[in-house]
Each structure stands twice: as C-alpha cells, then as structure tokens.
C-alpha cells in the first residue's frame, strides 16, 4: 500500500494517471497480479493505493524483479503529495463479508461501529 496526503482532488487524479494509467498495463502482465484498489478521502485529502497479488510467492517475484519499474512511477507521483513523499507498507490480507458466505461471513459482528 502506498499512501499520502494531497492538496486537491485534481492532484489525486494526477497520481491516478501516473500509477494506474502508466503502471496498470505493466502490472496486468505479471503472474498473480490481482488488481489495484484506490481510496481517496475528499474531506481529509488522504490518498491510498493498494496493489494486490494472489499469493505470497507471486508478490515476492514482483518485489524481486518488477518493483523497480513501478518505483519510478511512485517517485513521480510522490511529487504531487503535500510532503513530496509517500509511505509504503506491505500487508497480508483476509477478506470477510457476504461474498461466498460461510464461516468468514458468520464471524462478522452486526455492530459496524466496531470497525
């Protein structure tokens, strides 16, 4: 995940053009690439972009051999943030919800204020 603050929605869209517009075609060619999720808070101008892979081995392969190609795009995009930088974190994720039902869905609380 890459995150930063931007000064405007226009800057967020410019980051989209750099990372998604230029990076997505290359990422789609990689084994195990699962997608990009983009989040933007229009109140606080927080920008987050998440690149996901279907397995840890495919993510490791990306980090070892293709990450440099995307790094250039993130460096370019970071110039549009209010601090001229982005924070990066790697996560392992689990999804819980109604998709597919079952045990994962059953464990969810109905109290959504808890999240």
N, C-alpha and C. Protein backbone atom coordinates (compact mmCIF):
# COMPACT_ATOMS: atom_id res chain seq x y z
N UNK A 1 0.84 -1.16 0.00
CA UNK A 1 0.00 0.00 0.00
C UNK A 1 0.89 1.23 0.00
N UNK A 2 0.51 2.20 -0.77
CA UNK A 2 1.18 3.49 -0.78
C UNK A 2 0.16 4.52 -0.34
N UNK A 3 0.57 5.44 0.50
CA UNK A 3 -0.37 6.46 0.98
C UNK A 3 0.33 7.81 1.10
N UNK A 4 -0.51 8.86 0.97
CA UNK A 4 -0.01 10.22 1.12
C UNK A 4 -1.19 11.16 1.28
N UNK A 5 -0.89 12.39 1.57
CA UNK A 5 -1.88 13.46 1.57
C UNK A 5 -1.66 14.29 0.31
N UNK A 6 -2.76 14.75 -0.27
CA UNK A 6 -2.68 15.61 -1.44
C UNK A 6 -3.41 16.92 -1.14
N UNK A 7 -3.14 17.91 -1.94
CA UNK A 7 -3.75 19.22 -1.72
C UNK A 7 -5.14 19.34 -2.34
N UNK A 8 -5.44 18.46 -3.32
CA UNK A 8 -6.72 18.60 -4.02
C UNK A 8 -7.11 17.29 -4.69
N UNK A 9 -8.36 17.21 -5.08
CA UNK A 9 -8.83 16.06 -5.83
C UNK A 9 -8.13 15.98 -7.19
N UNK A 10 -7.82 17.12 -7.76
CA UNK A 10 -7.10 17.16 -9.02
C UNK A 10 -5.74 16.48 -8.89
N UNK A 11 -5.03 16.71 -7.78
CA UNK A 11 -3.74 16.05 -7.57
C UNK A 11 -3.91 14.54 -7.43
N UNK A 12 -4.99 14.11 -6.77
CA UNK A 12 -5.26 12.68 -6.64
C UNK A 12 -5.47 12.05 -8.03
N UNK A 13 -6.18 12.75 -8.89
CA UNK A 13 -6.41 12.25 -10.24
C UNK A 13 -5.12 12.22 -11.05
N UNK A 14 -4.23 13.17 -10.81
CA UNK A 14 -2.93 13.16 -11.49
C UNK A 14 -2.11 11.95 -11.04
N UNK A 15 -2.19 11.62 -9.75
CA UNK A 15 -1.49 10.43 -9.24
C UNK A 15 -2.08 9.18 -9.90
N UNK A 16 -3.40 9.13 -10.03
CA UNK A 16 -4.05 8.01 -10.72
C UNK A 16 -3.48 7.84 -12.12
N UNK A 17 -3.35 8.95 -12.84
CA UNK A 17 -2.84 8.88 -14.20
C UNK A 17 -1.43 8.31 -14.26
N UNK A 18 -0.63 8.63 -13.25
CA UNK A 18 0.75 8.14 -13.23
C UNK A 18 0.79 6.66 -12.84
N UNK A 19 0.18 6.33 -11.70
CA UNK A 19 0.31 4.96 -11.18
C UNK A 19 -0.61 3.99 -11.90
N UNK A 20 -1.87 4.34 -12.02
CA UNK A 20 -2.82 3.42 -12.66
C UNK A 20 -2.69 3.51 -14.18
N UNK A 21 -2.68 4.72 -14.70
CA UNK A 21 -2.61 4.89 -16.14
C UNK A 21 -1.36 4.30 -16.77
N UNK A 22 -0.22 4.55 -16.15
CA UNK A 22 1.05 4.06 -16.71
C UNK A 22 1.45 2.69 -16.16
N UNK A 23 1.06 2.40 -14.92
CA UNK A 23 1.51 1.16 -14.28
C UNK A 23 0.63 -0.05 -14.50
N UNK A 24 -0.68 0.16 -14.60
CA UNK A 24 -1.60 -0.97 -14.72
C UNK A 24 -1.32 -1.87 -15.91
N UNK A 25 -1.05 -1.31 -17.09
CA UNK A 25 -0.76 -2.21 -18.22
C UNK A 25 0.42 -3.14 -17.95
N UNK A 26 1.45 -2.65 -17.29
CA UNK A 26 2.61 -3.49 -16.97
C UNK A 26 2.26 -4.51 -15.90
N UNK A 27 1.51 -4.07 -14.87
CA UNK A 27 1.15 -4.98 -13.80
C UNK A 27 0.27 -6.13 -14.30
N UNK A 28 -0.61 -5.86 -15.24
CA UNK A 28 -1.51 -6.88 -15.77
C UNK A 28 -0.75 -8.04 -16.42
N UNK A 29 0.48 -7.80 -16.82
CA UNK A 29 1.30 -8.83 -17.46
C UNK A 29 1.97 -9.75 -16.44
N UNK A 30 1.95 -9.39 -15.17
CA UNK A 30 2.66 -10.16 -14.16
C UNK A 30 1.84 -11.33 -13.65
N UNK A 31 2.50 -12.43 -13.42
CA UNK A 31 1.84 -13.62 -12.88
C UNK A 31 1.28 -13.32 -11.49
N UNK A 32 0.02 -13.61 -11.31
CA UNK A 32 -0.60 -13.47 -10.00
C UNK A 32 -1.11 -12.08 -9.67
N UNK A 33 -0.96 -11.12 -10.57
CA UNK A 33 -1.47 -9.77 -10.29
C UNK A 33 -2.99 -9.86 -10.13
N UNK A 34 -3.50 -9.36 -9.00
CA UNK A 34 -4.93 -9.47 -8.70
C UNK A 34 -5.68 -8.15 -8.88
N UNK A 35 -4.98 -7.02 -8.84
CA UNK A 35 -5.67 -5.76 -9.06
C UNK A 35 -5.10 -4.59 -8.28
N UNK A 36 -5.70 -3.44 -8.54
CA UNK A 36 -5.35 -2.20 -7.84
C UNK A 36 -6.63 -1.65 -7.23
N UNK A 37 -6.53 -1.25 -5.97
CA UNK A 37 -7.64 -0.54 -5.32
C UNK A 37 -7.15 0.85 -4.98
N UNK A 38 -8.00 1.84 -5.22
CA UNK A 38 -7.64 3.23 -4.95
C UNK A 38 -8.67 3.82 -4.01
N UNK A 39 -8.19 4.48 -2.97
CA UNK A 39 -9.06 5.13 -1.99
C UNK A 39 -8.66 6.59 -1.88
N UNK A 40 -9.66 7.46 -1.86
CA UNK A 40 -9.40 8.89 -1.71
C UNK A 40 -10.47 9.49 -0.81
N UNK A 41 -10.05 10.15 0.25
CA UNK A 41 -10.97 10.83 1.16
C UNK A 41 -11.06 12.29 0.71
N UNK A 42 -12.26 12.68 0.28
CA UNK A 42 -12.45 14.03 -0.23
C UNK A 42 -12.53 15.07 0.89
N UNK A 43 -12.67 14.61 2.12
CA UNK A 43 -12.71 15.55 3.24
C UNK A 43 -11.31 15.86 3.76
N UNK A 44 -10.48 14.81 3.94
CA UNK A 44 -9.15 14.99 4.52
C UNK A 44 -8.03 14.90 3.49
N UNK A 45 -8.37 14.64 2.23
CA UNK A 45 -7.41 14.53 1.13
C UNK A 45 -6.35 13.46 1.36
N UNK A 46 -6.79 12.35 1.97
CA UNK A 46 -5.92 11.18 2.12
C UNK A 46 -6.04 10.33 0.87
N UNK A 47 -4.91 9.90 0.35
CA UNK A 47 -4.86 9.09 -0.87
C UNK A 47 -4.16 7.77 -0.55
N UNK A 48 -4.78 6.66 -0.95
CA UNK A 48 -4.17 5.34 -0.76
C UNK A 48 -4.37 4.52 -2.02
N UNK A 49 -3.35 3.77 -2.35
CA UNK A 49 -3.45 2.85 -3.48
C UNK A 49 -2.87 1.52 -3.05
N UNK A 50 -3.60 0.46 -3.36
CA UNK A 50 -3.20 -0.88 -2.93
C UNK A 50 -3.06 -1.76 -4.17
N UNK A 51 -1.90 -2.36 -4.33
CA UNK A 51 -1.63 -3.30 -5.41
C UNK A 51 -1.64 -4.68 -4.78
N UNK A 52 -2.45 -5.60 -5.33
CA UNK A 52 -2.56 -6.93 -4.72
C UNK A 52 -2.15 -8.03 -5.69
N UNK A 53 -1.64 -9.10 -5.09
CA UNK A 53 -1.26 -10.31 -5.81
C UNK A 53 -1.97 -11.49 -5.16
N UNK A 54 -2.14 -12.55 -5.93
CA UNK A 54 -2.93 -13.69 -5.45
C UNK A 54 -2.19 -14.60 -4.49
N UNK A 55 -0.89 -14.42 -4.34
CA UNK A 55 -0.14 -15.29 -3.42
C UNK A 55 1.16 -14.60 -2.99
N UNK A 56 1.70 -15.06 -1.89
CA UNK A 56 2.97 -14.53 -1.41
C UNK A 56 4.11 -14.80 -2.40
N UNK A 57 4.21 -15.99 -2.99
CA UNK A 57 5.28 -16.21 -3.97
C UNK A 57 5.21 -15.23 -5.16
N UNK A 58 4.00 -14.94 -5.66
CA UNK A 58 3.88 -14.00 -6.77
C UNK A 58 4.21 -12.58 -6.35
N UNK A 59 3.86 -12.21 -5.12
CA UNK A 59 4.23 -10.90 -4.60
C UNK A 59 5.75 -10.80 -4.48
N UNK A 60 6.38 -11.84 -3.95
CA UNK A 60 7.84 -11.84 -3.82
C UNK A 60 8.52 -11.73 -5.18
N UNK A 61 7.97 -12.41 -6.17
CA UNK A 61 8.52 -12.33 -7.52
C UNK A 61 8.44 -10.90 -8.04
N UNK A 62 7.30 -10.25 -7.80
CA UNK A 62 7.15 -8.84 -8.19
C UNK A 62 8.20 -7.97 -7.50
N UNK A 63 8.37 -8.15 -6.20
CA UNK A 63 9.31 -7.33 -5.44
C UNK A 63 10.75 -7.55 -5.92
N UNK A 64 11.08 -8.77 -6.31
CA UNK A 64 12.44 -9.09 -6.72
C UNK A 64 12.76 -8.62 -8.14
N UNK A 65 11.77 -8.65 -9.04
CA UNK A 65 12.13 -8.39 -10.43
C UNK A 65 11.38 -7.26 -11.13
N UNK A 66 10.24 -6.84 -10.62
CA UNK A 66 9.46 -5.83 -11.33
C UNK A 66 9.20 -4.57 -10.53
N UNK A 67 9.48 -4.61 -9.26
CA UNK A 67 9.15 -3.48 -8.39
C UNK A 67 9.83 -2.19 -8.82
N UNK A 68 11.03 -2.28 -9.36
CA UNK A 68 11.76 -1.08 -9.79
C UNK A 68 11.01 -0.31 -10.87
N UNK A 69 10.33 -1.03 -11.76
CA UNK A 69 9.55 -0.37 -12.80
C UNK A 69 8.45 0.50 -12.20
N UNK A 70 7.79 -0.03 -11.17
CA UNK A 70 6.72 0.73 -10.52
C UNK A 70 7.29 1.80 -9.60
N UNK A 71 8.45 1.55 -9.03
CA UNK A 71 9.05 2.53 -8.12
C UNK A 71 9.21 3.89 -8.79
N UNK A 72 9.62 3.89 -10.04
CA UNK A 72 9.77 5.15 -10.78
C UNK A 72 8.46 5.91 -10.85
N UNK A 73 7.37 5.19 -11.02
CA UNK A 73 6.05 5.83 -11.10
C UNK A 73 5.64 6.41 -9.73
N UNK A 74 5.95 5.67 -8.66
CA UNK A 74 5.63 6.17 -7.33
C UNK A 74 6.47 7.39 -6.96
N UNK A 75 7.72 7.42 -7.39
CA UNK A 75 8.57 8.59 -7.14
C UNK A 75 8.00 9.80 -7.86
N UNK A 76 7.58 9.61 -9.10
CA UNK A 76 6.96 10.69 -9.86
C UNK A 76 5.66 11.16 -9.20
N UNK A 77 4.84 10.20 -8.78
CA UNK A 77 3.56 10.54 -8.16
C UNK A 77 3.74 11.22 -6.80
N UNK A 78 4.77 10.84 -6.06
CA UNK A 78 5.00 11.41 -4.73
C UNK A 78 5.21 12.92 -4.80
N UNK A 79 5.70 13.41 -5.90
CA UNK A 79 5.93 14.85 -6.05
C UNK A 79 4.62 15.64 -5.96
N UNK A 80 3.49 14.96 -6.17
CA UNK A 80 2.18 15.60 -6.10
C UNK A 80 1.59 15.59 -4.68
N UNK A 81 2.25 14.90 -3.75
CA UNK A 81 1.76 14.88 -2.37
C UNK A 81 2.17 16.15 -1.65
N UNK A 82 1.53 16.43 -0.55
CA UNK A 82 1.83 17.66 0.20
C UNK A 82 3.22 17.63 0.82
N UNK A 83 3.80 16.43 0.98
CA UNK A 83 5.13 16.31 1.58
C UNK A 83 6.19 15.86 0.57
N UNK A 84 5.79 15.70 -0.67
CA UNK A 84 6.66 15.18 -1.74
C UNK A 84 7.19 13.79 -1.43
N UNK A 85 6.39 13.01 -0.68
CA UNK A 85 6.77 11.64 -0.38
C UNK A 85 5.52 10.78 -0.19
N UNK A 86 5.73 9.48 -0.23
CA UNK A 86 4.66 8.52 0.05
C UNK A 86 5.16 7.55 1.09
N UNK A 87 4.23 7.06 1.88
CA UNK A 87 4.55 6.00 2.84
C UNK A 87 4.18 4.67 2.20
N UNK A 88 4.99 3.65 2.42
CA UNK A 88 4.75 2.33 1.85
C UNK A 88 4.66 1.30 2.95
N UNK A 89 3.71 0.39 2.82
CA UNK A 89 3.57 -0.73 3.75
C UNK A 89 3.12 -1.95 2.95
N UNK A 90 3.57 -3.12 3.39
CA UNK A 90 3.13 -4.38 2.79
C UNK A 90 2.25 -5.10 3.80
N UNK A 91 1.11 -5.59 3.34
CA UNK A 91 0.16 -6.28 4.20
C UNK A 91 -0.17 -7.65 3.65
N UNK A 92 -0.50 -8.56 4.55
CA UNK A 92 -1.17 -9.79 4.20
C UNK A 92 -2.63 -9.53 4.51
N UNK A 93 -3.53 -9.89 3.60
CA UNK A 93 -4.93 -9.54 3.84
C UNK A 93 -5.84 -10.75 3.85
N UNK A 94 -6.92 -10.62 4.57
CA UNK A 94 -8.02 -11.58 4.59
C UNK A 94 -9.28 -10.77 4.37
N UNK A 95 -10.19 -11.29 3.58
CA UNK A 95 -11.44 -10.59 3.32
C UNK A 95 -12.57 -11.32 4.03
N UNK A 96 -13.42 -10.54 4.68
CA UNK A 96 -14.59 -11.08 5.35
C UNK A 96 -15.80 -10.32 4.84
N UNK A 97 -16.81 -11.02 4.54
CA UNK A 97 -18.01 -10.36 4.05
C UNK A 97 -19.01 -11.35 3.52
N UNK A 98 -20.02 -10.86 2.88
CA UNK A 98 -21.10 -11.71 2.40
C UNK A 98 -20.72 -12.47 1.14
N UNK A 99 -19.68 -12.04 0.45
CA UNK A 99 -19.28 -12.73 -0.77
C UNK A 99 -18.87 -14.16 -0.42
N UNK A 100 -19.60 -15.11 -0.91
CA UNK A 100 -19.27 -16.51 -0.66
C UNK A 100 -19.86 -17.05 0.62
N UNK A 101 -20.30 -16.18 1.53
CA UNK A 101 -20.91 -16.65 2.78
C UNK A 101 -19.96 -17.49 3.60
N UNK A 102 -20.52 -18.40 4.37
CA UNK A 102 -19.72 -19.34 5.14
C UNK A 102 -19.19 -18.76 6.42
N UNK A 103 -18.16 -19.42 6.96
CA UNK A 103 -17.60 -19.09 8.26
C UNK A 103 -17.10 -17.67 8.34
N UNK A 104 -16.43 -17.19 7.29
CA UNK A 104 -15.90 -15.82 7.32
C UNK A 104 -17.03 -14.82 7.49
N UNK A 105 -18.14 -15.04 6.80
CA UNK A 105 -19.28 -14.13 6.93
C UNK A 105 -19.93 -14.26 8.29
N UNK A 106 -20.05 -15.48 8.79
CA UNK A 106 -20.72 -15.71 10.07
C UNK A 106 -20.00 -15.06 11.24
N UNK A 107 -18.69 -14.84 11.13
CA UNK A 107 -17.94 -14.28 12.25
C UNK A 107 -18.08 -12.77 12.36
N UNK A 108 -18.67 -12.12 11.36
CA UNK A 108 -18.81 -10.66 11.39
C UNK A 108 -19.83 -10.22 12.41
N UNK A 109 -19.52 -9.13 13.07
CA UNK A 109 -20.45 -8.52 14.01
C UNK A 109 -21.44 -7.66 13.25
N UNK A 110 -22.64 -7.55 13.77
CA UNK A 110 -23.62 -6.64 13.17
C UNK A 110 -23.38 -5.21 13.62
N UNK A 111 -22.48 -5.01 14.58
CA UNK A 111 -22.18 -3.68 15.10
C UNK A 111 -21.05 -3.08 14.27
N UNK A 112 -21.40 -2.39 13.17
CA UNK A 112 -20.38 -1.87 12.27
C UNK A 112 -19.62 -0.69 12.85
N UNK A 113 -20.06 -0.16 13.98
CA UNK A 113 -19.29 0.91 14.63
C UNK A 113 -18.01 0.36 15.25
N UNK A 114 -17.91 -0.95 15.34
CA UNK A 114 -16.73 -1.57 15.95
C UNK A 114 -15.54 -1.54 15.00
N UNK A 115 -15.75 -1.21 13.74
CA UNK A 115 -14.66 -1.27 12.77
C UNK A 115 -14.03 0.06 12.57
